[in-house]
Amino acid sequence: MGGSEKRKVGERGQITLPKDLRKRFGIHGGDEVIVSEEDDKIVIETPVSEADLAEGYRRRADRDREIADAFDGVSREAAERVGDVPDW
């Protein structure tokens, strides 16, 4: 589903999400979704699970460690070469 699709709103304000969207976003009967308003539009989102959030923090920490290690190597190399600067 690339475009939009009309859905009828029931008496209690309910709609059925298209099957291909439910499948693509992993939404099953009984799941919770977040409904909000953004720029005069109704937005339906799947909430971020604690496991997904924790995994994101782990990946970020790993990336930060890699960057710190790279800077540490560059700092050591720069300290070793300081004596190579010409006296102009």
PDB file of N, CA and C in Angstrom:
ATOM      1  N   MET A   1       0.852  -1.177   0.000  1.00  0.00           N
ATOM      2  CA  MET A   1       0.000   0.000   0.000  1.00  0.00           C
ATOM      3  C   MET A   1       0.890   1.229   0.000  1.00  0.00           C
ATOM      4  N   GLY A   2       0.928   1.940  -1.087  1.00  0.00           N
ATOM      5  CA  GLY A   2       1.762   3.105  -1.160  1.00  0.00           C
ATOM      6  C   GLY A   2       0.988   4.390  -0.948  1.00  0.00           C
ATOM      7  N   GLY A   3      -0.274   4.384  -1.289  1.00  0.00           N
ATOM      8  CA  GLY A   3      -1.076   5.596  -1.208  1.00  0.00           C
ATOM      9  C   GLY A   3      -1.976   5.608  -0.003  1.00  0.00           C
ATOM     10  N   SER A   4      -3.146   6.144  -0.210  1.00  0.00           N
ATOM     11  CA  SER A   4      -4.111   6.205   0.882  1.00  0.00           C
ATOM     12  C   SER A   4      -5.296   5.302   0.559  1.00  0.00           C
ATOM     13  N   GLU A   5      -6.045   5.012   1.584  1.00  0.00           N
ATOM     14  CA  GLU A   5      -7.180   4.111   1.439  1.00  0.00           C
ATOM     15  C   GLU A   5      -8.311   4.611   2.327  1.00  0.00           C
ATOM     16  N   LYS A   6      -9.505   4.707   1.779  1.00  0.00           N
ATOM     17  CA  LYS A   6     -10.650   5.158   2.572  1.00  0.00           C
ATOM     18  C   LYS A   6     -11.095   4.069   3.522  1.00  0.00           C
ATOM     19  N   ARG A   7     -11.447   4.474   4.723  1.00  0.00           N
ATOM     20  CA  ARG A   7     -12.012   3.566   5.725  1.00  0.00           C
ATOM     21  C   ARG A   7     -13.211   4.246   6.346  1.00  0.00           C
ATOM     22  N   LYS A   8     -14.231   3.473   6.668  1.00  0.00           N
ATOM     23  CA  LYS A   8     -15.424   4.018   7.300  1.00  0.00           C
ATOM     24  C   LYS A   8     -15.246   3.968   8.808  1.00  0.00           C
ATOM     25  N   VAL A   9     -15.584   5.069   9.468  1.00  0.00           N
ATOM     26  CA  VAL A   9     -15.512   5.138  10.926  1.00  0.00           C
ATOM     27  C   VAL A   9     -16.833   4.627  11.479  1.00  0.00           C
ATOM     28  N   GLY A  10     -16.737   3.653  12.390  1.00  0.00           N
ATOM     29  CA  GLY A  10     -17.927   3.086  12.991  1.00  0.00           C
ATOM     30  C   GLY A  10     -18.560   4.024  14.015  1.00  0.00           C
ATOM     31  N   GLU A  11     -19.707   3.639  14.506  1.00  0.00           N
ATOM     32  CA  GLU A  11     -20.464   4.446  15.475  1.00  0.00           C
ATOM     33  C   GLU A  11     -19.643   4.772  16.717  1.00  0.00           C
ATOM     34  N   ARG A  12     -18.747   3.872  17.117  1.00  0.00           N
ATOM     35  CA  ARG A  12     -17.938   4.078  18.320  1.00  0.00           C
ATOM     36  C   ARG A  12     -16.582   4.697  17.995  1.00  0.00           C
ATOM     37  N   GLY A  13     -16.391   5.212  16.761  1.00  0.00           N
ATOM     38  CA  GLY A  13     -15.150   5.862  16.370  1.00  0.00           C
ATOM     39  C   GLY A  13     -14.073   4.893  15.951  1.00  0.00           C
ATOM     40  N   GLN A  14     -14.423   3.646  15.698  1.00  0.00           N
ATOM     41  CA  GLN A  14     -13.416   2.645  15.352  1.00  0.00           C
ATOM     42  C   GLN A  14     -13.213   2.551  13.846  1.00  0.00           C
ATOM     43  N   ILE A  15     -11.961   2.230  13.465  1.00  0.00           N
ATOM     44  CA  ILE A  15     -11.643   1.917  12.071  1.00  0.00           C
ATOM     45  C   ILE A  15     -10.818   0.632  12.068  1.00  0.00           C
ATOM     46  N   THR A  16     -10.753  -0.018  10.919  1.00  0.00           N
ATOM     47  CA  THR A  16      -9.905  -1.192  10.767  1.00  0.00           C
ATOM     48  C   THR A  16      -8.684  -0.779   9.958  1.00  0.00           C
ATOM     49  N   LEU A  17      -7.505  -1.040  10.514  1.00  0.00           N
ATOM     50  CA  LEU A  17      -6.279  -0.737   9.788  1.00  0.00           C
ATOM     51  C   LEU A  17      -6.120  -1.748   8.654  1.00  0.00           C
ATOM     52  N   PRO A  18      -5.674  -1.298   7.483  1.00  0.00           N
ATOM     53  CA  PRO A  18      -5.491  -2.225   6.368  1.00  0.00           C
ATOM     54  C   PRO A  18      -4.523  -3.355   6.742  1.00  0.00           C
ATOM     55  N   LYS A  19      -4.832  -4.557   6.253  1.00  0.00           N
ATOM     56  CA  LYS A  19      -4.062  -5.750   6.593  1.00  0.00           C
ATOM     57  C   LYS A  19      -2.586  -5.613   6.245  1.00  0.00           C
ATOM     58  N   ASP A  20      -2.274  -5.049   5.073  1.00  0.00           N
ATOM     59  CA  ASP A  20      -0.864  -4.942   4.683  1.00  0.00           C
ATOM     60  C   ASP A  20      -0.086  -4.007   5.618  1.00  0.00           C
ATOM     61  N   LEU A  21      -0.743  -2.962   6.125  1.00  0.00           N
ATOM     62  CA  LEU A  21      -0.071  -2.080   7.085  1.00  0.00           C
ATOM     63  C   LEU A  21       0.129  -2.783   8.428  1.00  0.00           C
ATOM     64  N   ARG A  22      -0.896  -3.530   8.861  1.00  0.00           N
ATOM     65  CA  ARG A  22      -0.755  -4.272  10.128  1.00  0.00           C
ATOM     66  C   ARG A  22       0.404  -5.258  10.022  1.00  0.00           C
ATOM     67  N   LYS A  23       0.490  -5.933   8.877  1.00  0.00           N
ATOM     68  CA  LYS A  23       1.558  -6.913   8.689  1.00  0.00           C
ATOM     69  C   LYS A  23       2.917  -6.228   8.639  1.00  0.00           C
ATOM     70  N   ARG A  24       3.031  -5.142   7.878  1.00  0.00           N
ATOM     71  CA  ARG A  24       4.305  -4.439   7.713  1.00  0.00           C
ATOM     72  C   ARG A  24       4.818  -3.876   9.038  1.00  0.00           C
ATOM     73  N   PHE A  25       3.908  -3.400   9.900  1.00  0.00           N
ATOM     74  CA  PHE A  25       4.313  -2.791  11.163  1.00  0.00           C
ATOM     75  C   PHE A  25       4.185  -3.737  12.352  1.00  0.00           C
ATOM     76  N   GLY A  26       3.837  -4.984  12.073  1.00  0.00           N
ATOM     77  CA  GLY A  26       3.768  -5.981  13.141  1.00  0.00           C
ATOM     78  C   GLY A  26       2.678  -5.713  14.168  1.00  0.00           C
ATOM     79  N   ILE A  27       1.553  -5.208  13.718  1.00  0.00           N
ATOM     80  CA  ILE A  27       0.435  -4.906  14.615  1.00  0.00           C
ATOM     81  C   ILE A  27      -0.540  -6.076  14.589  1.00  0.00           C
ATOM     82  N   HIS A  28      -0.843  -6.607  15.776  1.00  0.00           N
ATOM     83  CA  HIS A  28      -1.761  -7.744  15.903  1.00  0.00           C
ATOM     84  C   HIS A  28      -2.932  -7.349  16.787  1.00  0.00           C
ATOM     85  N   GLY A  29      -4.014  -8.108  16.691  1.00  0.00           N
ATOM     86  CA  GLY A  29      -5.180  -7.863  17.536  1.00  0.00           C
ATOM     87  C   GLY A  29      -4.793  -7.807  19.008  1.00  0.00           C
ATOM     88  N   GLY A  30      -5.257  -6.799  19.716  1.00  0.00           N
ATOM     89  CA  GLY A  30      -4.949  -6.645  21.132  1.00  0.00           C
ATOM     90  C   GLY A  30      -3.715  -5.789  21.404  1.00  0.00           C
ATOM     91  N   ASP A  31      -2.909  -5.494  20.351  1.00  0.00           N
ATOM     92  CA  ASP A  31      -1.737  -4.632  20.531  1.00  0.00           C
ATOM     93  C   ASP A  31      -2.179  -3.199  20.810  1.00  0.00           C
ATOM     94  N   GLU A  32      -1.315  -2.461  21.475  1.00  0.00           N
ATOM     95  CA  GLU A  32      -1.576  -1.043  21.717  1.00  0.00           C
ATOM     96  C   GLU A  32      -0.879  -0.217  20.643  1.00  0.00           C
ATOM     97  N   VAL A  33      -1.491   0.897  20.279  1.00  0.00           N
ATOM     98  CA  VAL A  33      -0.889   1.869  19.378  1.00  0.00           C
ATOM     99  C   VAL A  33      -1.017   3.245  20.019  1.00  0.00           C
ATOM    100  N   ILE A  34      -0.223   4.174  19.553  1.00  0.00           N
ATOM    101  CA  ILE A  34      -0.279   5.548  20.035  1.00  0.00           C
ATOM    102  C   ILE A  34      -0.981   6.374  18.971  1.00  0.00           C
ATOM    103  N   VAL A  35      -2.016   7.101  19.363  1.00  0.00           N
ATOM    104  CA  VAL A  35      -2.759   7.959  18.447  1.00  0.00           C
ATOM    105  C   VAL A  35      -2.512   9.398  18.882  1.00  0.00           C
ATOM    106  N   SER A  36      -2.030  10.213  17.934  1.00  0.00           N
ATOM    107  CA  SER A  36      -1.738  11.608  18.257  1.00  0.00           C
ATOM    108  C   SER A  36      -2.082  12.497  17.070  1.00  0.00           C
ATOM    109  N   GLU A  37      -1.950  13.791  17.298  1.00  0.00           N
ATOM    110  CA  GLU A  37      -2.197  14.774  16.242  1.00  0.00           C
ATOM    111  C   GLU A  37      -0.883  15.492  15.942  1.00  0.00           C
ATOM    112  N   GLU A  38      -0.541  15.577  14.670  1.00  0.00           N
ATOM    113  CA  GLU A  38       0.650  16.303  14.229  1.00  0.00           C
ATOM    114  C   GLU A  38       0.309  17.068  12.961  1.00  0.00           C
ATOM    115  N   ASP A  39       0.504  18.361  13.000  1.00  0.00           N
ATOM    116  CA  ASP A  39       0.246  19.196  11.819  1.00  0.00           C
ATOM    117  C   ASP A  39      -1.142  18.948  11.236  1.00  0.00           C
ATOM    118  N   ASP A  40      -2.142  18.977  12.090  1.00  0.00           N
ATOM    119  CA  ASP A  40      -3.535  18.795  11.670  1.00  0.00           C
ATOM    120  C   ASP A  40      -3.811  17.441  11.028  1.00  0.00           C
ATOM    121  N   LYS A  41      -3.016  16.422  11.393  1.00  0.00           N
ATOM    122  CA  LYS A  41      -3.227  15.064  10.897  1.00  0.00           C
ATOM    123  C   LYS A  41      -3.282  14.110  12.077  1.00  0.00           C
ATOM    124  N   ILE A  42      -4.021  13.038  11.923  1.00  0.00           N
ATOM    125  CA  ILE A  42      -4.074  11.984  12.922  1.00  0.00           C
ATOM    126  C   ILE A  42      -2.955  11.004  12.610  1.00  0.00           C
ATOM    127  N   VAL A  43      -2.112  10.726  13.599  1.00  0.00           N
ATOM    128  CA  VAL A  43      -0.967   9.845  13.418  1.00  0.00           C
ATOM    129  C   VAL A  43      -1.137   8.626  14.321  1.00  0.00           C
ATOM    130  N   ILE A  44      -0.958   7.434  13.753  1.00  0.00           N
ATOM    131  CA  ILE A  44      -1.022   6.185  14.515  1.00  0.00           C
ATOM    132  C   ILE A  44       0.370   5.571  14.488  1.00  0.00           C
ATOM    133  N   GLU A  45       0.934   5.328  15.684  1.00  0.00           N
ATOM    134  CA  GLU A  45       2.281   4.775  15.782  1.00  0.00           C
ATOM    135  C   GLU A  45       2.288   3.557  16.684  1.00  0.00           C
ATOM    136  N   THR A  46       3.230   2.672  16.419  1.00  0.00           N
ATOM    137  CA  THR A  46       3.444   1.569  17.349  1.00  0.00           C
ATOM    138  C   THR A  46       4.380   2.071  18.440  1.00  0.00           C
ATOM    139  N   PRO A  47       4.108   1.740  19.692  1.00  0.00           N
ATOM    140  CA  PRO A  47       4.981   2.211  20.769  1.00  0.00           C
ATOM    141  C   PRO A  47       6.330   1.501  20.729  1.00  0.00           C
ATOM    142  N   VAL A  48       7.346   2.156  21.277  1.00  0.00           N
ATOM    143  CA  VAL A  48       8.674   1.559  21.374  1.00  0.00           C
ATOM    144  C   VAL A  48       8.688   0.677  22.620  1.00  0.00           C
ATOM    145  N   SER A  49       9.066  -0.582  22.438  1.00  0.00           N
ATOM    146  CA  SER A  49       9.106  -1.502  23.573  1.00  0.00           C
ATOM    147  C   SER A  49      10.344  -1.229  24.410  1.00  0.00           C
ATOM    148  N   GLU A  50      10.317  -1.671  25.656  1.00  0.00           N
ATOM    149  CA  GLU A  50      11.485  -1.516  26.527  1.00  0.00           C
ATOM    150  C   GLU A  50      12.689  -2.257  25.948  1.00  0.00           C
ATOM    151  N   ALA A  51      12.456  -3.409  25.336  1.00  0.00           N
ATOM    152  CA  ALA A  51      13.552  -4.174  24.738  1.00  0.00           C
ATOM    153  C   ALA A  51      14.169  -3.409  23.571  1.00  0.00           C
ATOM    154  N   ASP A  52      13.329  -2.798  22.714  1.00  0.00           N
ATOM    155  CA  ASP A  52      13.843  -2.011  21.590  1.00  0.00           C
ATOM    156  C   ASP A  52      14.614  -0.793  22.086  1.00  0.00           C
ATOM    157  N   LEU A  53      14.106  -0.157  23.123  1.00  0.00           N
ATOM    158  CA  LEU A  53      14.770   1.008  23.697  1.00  0.00           C
ATOM    159  C   LEU A  53      16.124   0.619  24.277  1.00  0.00           C
ATOM    160  N   ALA A  54      16.160  -0.482  25.014  1.00  0.00           N
ATOM    161  CA  ALA A  54      17.416  -0.956  25.603  1.00  0.00           C
ATOM    162  C   ALA A  54      18.426  -1.304  24.520  1.00  0.00           C
ATOM    163  N   GLU A  55      17.984  -1.934  23.446  1.00  0.00           N
ATOM    164  CA  GLU A  55      18.876  -2.281  22.338  1.00  0.00           C
ATOM    165  C   GLU A  55      19.438  -1.020  21.688  1.00  0.00           C
ATOM    166  N   GLY A  56      18.619   0.002  21.538  1.00  0.00           N
ATOM    167  CA  GLY A  56      19.088   1.271  20.983  1.00  0.00           C
ATOM    168  C   GLY A  56      20.163   1.898  21.856  1.00  0.00           C
ATOM    169  N   TYR A  57      19.961   1.859  23.174  1.00  0.00           N
ATOM    170  CA  TYR A  57      20.967   2.391  24.095  1.00  0.00           C
ATOM    171  C   TYR A  57      22.259   1.572  24.023  1.00  0.00           C
ATOM    172  N   ARG A  58      22.143   0.247  23.887  1.00  0.00           N
ATOM    173  CA  ARG A  58      23.341  -0.601  23.773  1.00  0.00           C
ATOM    174  C   ARG A  58      24.130  -0.264  22.512  1.00  0.00           C
ATOM    175  N   ARG A  59      23.416  -0.108  21.385  1.00  0.00           N
ATOM    176  CA  ARG A  59      24.097   0.231  20.128  1.00  0.00           C
ATOM    177  C   ARG A  59      24.788   1.586  20.226  1.00  0.00           C
ATOM    178  N   ARG A  60      24.114   2.543  20.853  1.00  0.00           N
ATOM    179  CA  ARG A  60      24.712   3.866  20.997  1.00  0.00           C
ATOM    180  C   ARG A  60      25.957   3.812  21.889  1.00  0.00           C
ATOM    181  N   ALA A  61      25.894   3.071  22.981  1.00  0.00           N
ATOM    182  CA  ALA A  61      27.044   2.936  23.875  1.00  0.00           C
ATOM    183  C   ALA A  61      28.215   2.280  23.144  1.00  0.00           C
ATOM    184  N   ASP A  62      27.931   1.250  22.333  1.00  0.00           N
ATOM    185  CA  ASP A  62      28.982   0.592  21.547  1.00  0.00           C
ATOM    186  C   ASP A  62      29.623   1.575  20.577  1.00  0.00           C
ATOM    187  N   ARG A  63      28.794   2.361  19.900  1.00  0.00           N
ATOM    188  CA  ARG A  63      29.307   3.348  18.950  1.00  0.00           C
ATOM    189  C   ARG A  63      30.149   4.401  19.672  1.00  0.00           C
ATOM    190  N   ASP A  64      29.677   4.860  20.836  1.00  0.00           N
ATOM    191  CA  ASP A  64      30.431   5.855  21.601  1.00  0.00           C
ATOM    192  C   ASP A  64      31.783   5.301  22.041  1.00  0.00           C
ATOM    193  N   ARG A  65      31.825   4.008  22.423  1.00  0.00           N
ATOM    194  CA  ARG A  65      33.100   3.387  22.799  1.00  0.00           C
ATOM    195  C   ARG A  65      34.052   3.324  21.614  1.00  0.00           C
ATOM    196  N   GLU A  66      33.528   2.987  20.433  1.00  0.00           N
ATOM    197  CA  GLU A  66      34.363   2.932  19.230  1.00  0.00           C
ATOM    198  C   GLU A  66      34.944   4.314  18.911  1.00  0.00           C
ATOM    199  N   ILE A  67      34.140   5.341  19.032  1.00  0.00           N
ATOM    200  CA  ILE A  67      34.610   6.707  18.761  1.00  0.00           C
ATOM    201  C   ILE A  67      35.670   7.102  19.784  1.00  0.00           C
ATOM    202  N   ALA A  68      35.439   6.801  21.060  1.00  0.00           N
ATOM    203  CA  ALA A  68      36.409   7.129  22.112  1.00  0.00           C
ATOM    204  C   ALA A  68      37.732   6.409  21.869  1.00  0.00           C
ATOM    205  N   ASP A  69      37.668   5.145  21.465  1.00  0.00           N
ATOM    206  CA  ASP A  69      38.892   4.392  21.171  1.00  0.00           C
ATOM    207  C   ASP A  69      39.645   5.003  19.992  1.00  0.00           C
ATOM    208  N   ALA A  70      38.920   5.421  18.963  1.00  0.00           N
ATOM    209  CA  ALA A  70      39.552   6.031  17.794  1.00  0.00           C
ATOM    210  C   ALA A  70      40.238   7.340  18.185  1.00  0.00           C
ATOM    211  N   PHE A  71      39.569   8.155  18.991  1.00  0.00           N
ATOM    212  CA  PHE A  71      40.168   9.415  19.427  1.00  0.00           C
ATOM    213  C   PHE A  71      41.376   9.167  20.319  1.00  0.00           C
ATOM    214  N   ASP A  72      41.323   8.131  21.119  1.00  0.00           N
ATOM    215  CA  ASP A  72      42.454   7.810  21.981  1.00  0.00           C
ATOM    216  C   ASP A  72      43.676   7.478  21.132  1.00  0.00           C
ATOM    217  N   GLY A  73      43.479   6.702  20.074  1.00  0.00           N
ATOM    218  CA  GLY A  73      44.580   6.362  19.171  1.00  0.00           C
ATOM    219  C   GLY A  73      45.133   7.591  18.474  1.00  0.00           C
ATOM    220  N   VAL A  74      44.258   8.472  18.030  1.00  0.00           N
ATOM    221  CA  VAL A  74      44.695   9.702  17.356  1.00  0.00           C
ATOM    222  C   VAL A  74      45.463  10.580  18.340  1.00  0.00           C
ATOM    223  N   SER A  75      45.000  10.673  19.573  1.00  0.00           N
ATOM    224  CA  SER A  75      45.679  11.488  20.580  1.00  0.00           C
ATOM    225  C   SER A  75      47.079  10.952  20.864  1.00  0.00           C
ATOM    226  N   ARG A  76      47.237   9.637  20.968  1.00  0.00           N
ATOM    227  CA  ARG A  76      48.557   9.039  21.193  1.00  0.00           C
ATOM    228  C   ARG A  76      49.487   9.331  20.024  1.00  0.00           C
ATOM    229  N   GLU A  77      48.949   9.179  18.803  1.00  0.00           N
ATOM    230  CA  GLU A  77      49.757   9.435  17.618  1.00  0.00           C
ATOM    231  C   GLU A  77      50.188  10.897  17.571  1.00  0.00           C
ATOM    232  N   ALA A  78      49.282  11.806  17.873  1.00  0.00           N
ATOM    233  CA  ALA A  78      49.619  13.237  17.872  1.00  0.00           C
ATOM    234  C   ALA A  78      50.681  13.537  18.927  1.00  0.00           C
ATOM    235  N   ALA A  79      50.572  12.936  20.099  1.00  0.00           N
ATOM    236  CA  ALA A  79      51.545  13.164  21.169  1.00  0.00           C
ATOM    237  C   ALA A  79      52.926  12.662  20.755  1.00  0.00           C
ATOM    238  N   GLU A  80      52.981  11.575  20.019  1.00  0.00           N
ATOM    239  CA  GLU A  80      54.263  11.027  19.562  1.00  0.00           C
ATOM    240  C   GLU A  80      54.915  11.922  18.513  1.00  0.00           C
ATOM    241  N   ARG A  81      54.132  12.640  17.730  1.00  0.00           N
ATOM    242  CA  ARG A  81      54.658  13.447  16.617  1.00  0.00           C
ATOM    243  C   ARG A  81      54.897  14.906  16.994  1.00  0.00           C
ATOM    244  N   VAL A  82      54.546  15.307  18.180  1.00  0.00           N
ATOM    245  CA  VAL A  82      54.706  16.713  18.553  1.00  0.00           C
ATOM    246  C   VAL A  82      56.150  17.155  18.374  1.00  0.00           C
ATOM    247  N   GLY A  83      57.103  16.286  18.619  1.00  0.00           N
ATOM    248  CA  GLY A  83      58.502  16.622  18.454  1.00  0.00           C
ATOM    249  C   GLY A  83      58.907  16.825  16.998  1.00  0.00           C
ATOM    250  N   ASP A  84      58.077  16.407  16.051  1.00  0.00           N
ATOM    251  CA  ASP A  84      58.398  16.508  14.631  1.00  0.00           C
ATOM    252  C   ASP A  84      58.020  17.872  14.036  1.00  0.00           C
ATOM    253  N   VAL A  85      57.489  18.768  14.847  1.00  0.00           N
ATOM    254  CA  VAL A  85      57.057  20.067  14.341  1.00  0.00           C
ATOM    255  C   VAL A  85      58.285  20.936  14.086  1.00  0.00           C
ATOM    256  N   PRO A  86      58.418  21.512  12.879  1.00  0.00           N
ATOM    257  CA  PRO A  86      59.603  22.334  12.577  1.00  0.00           C
ATOM    258  C   PRO A  86      59.624  23.617  13.419  1.00  0.00           C
ATOM    259  N   ASP A  87      60.810  24.073  13.769  1.00  0.00           N
ATOM    260  CA  ASP A  87      60.997  25.318  14.519  1.00  0.00           C
ATOM    261  C   ASP A  87      61.132  26.462  13.529  1.00  0.00           C
ATOM    262  N   TRP A  88      60.081  27.116  13.159  1.00  0.00           N
ATOM    263  CA  TRP A  88      60.137  28.214  12.194  1.00  0.00           C
ATOM    264  C   TRP A  88      60.190  29.472  12.912  1.00  0.00           C
TER     265      TRP A  88
END
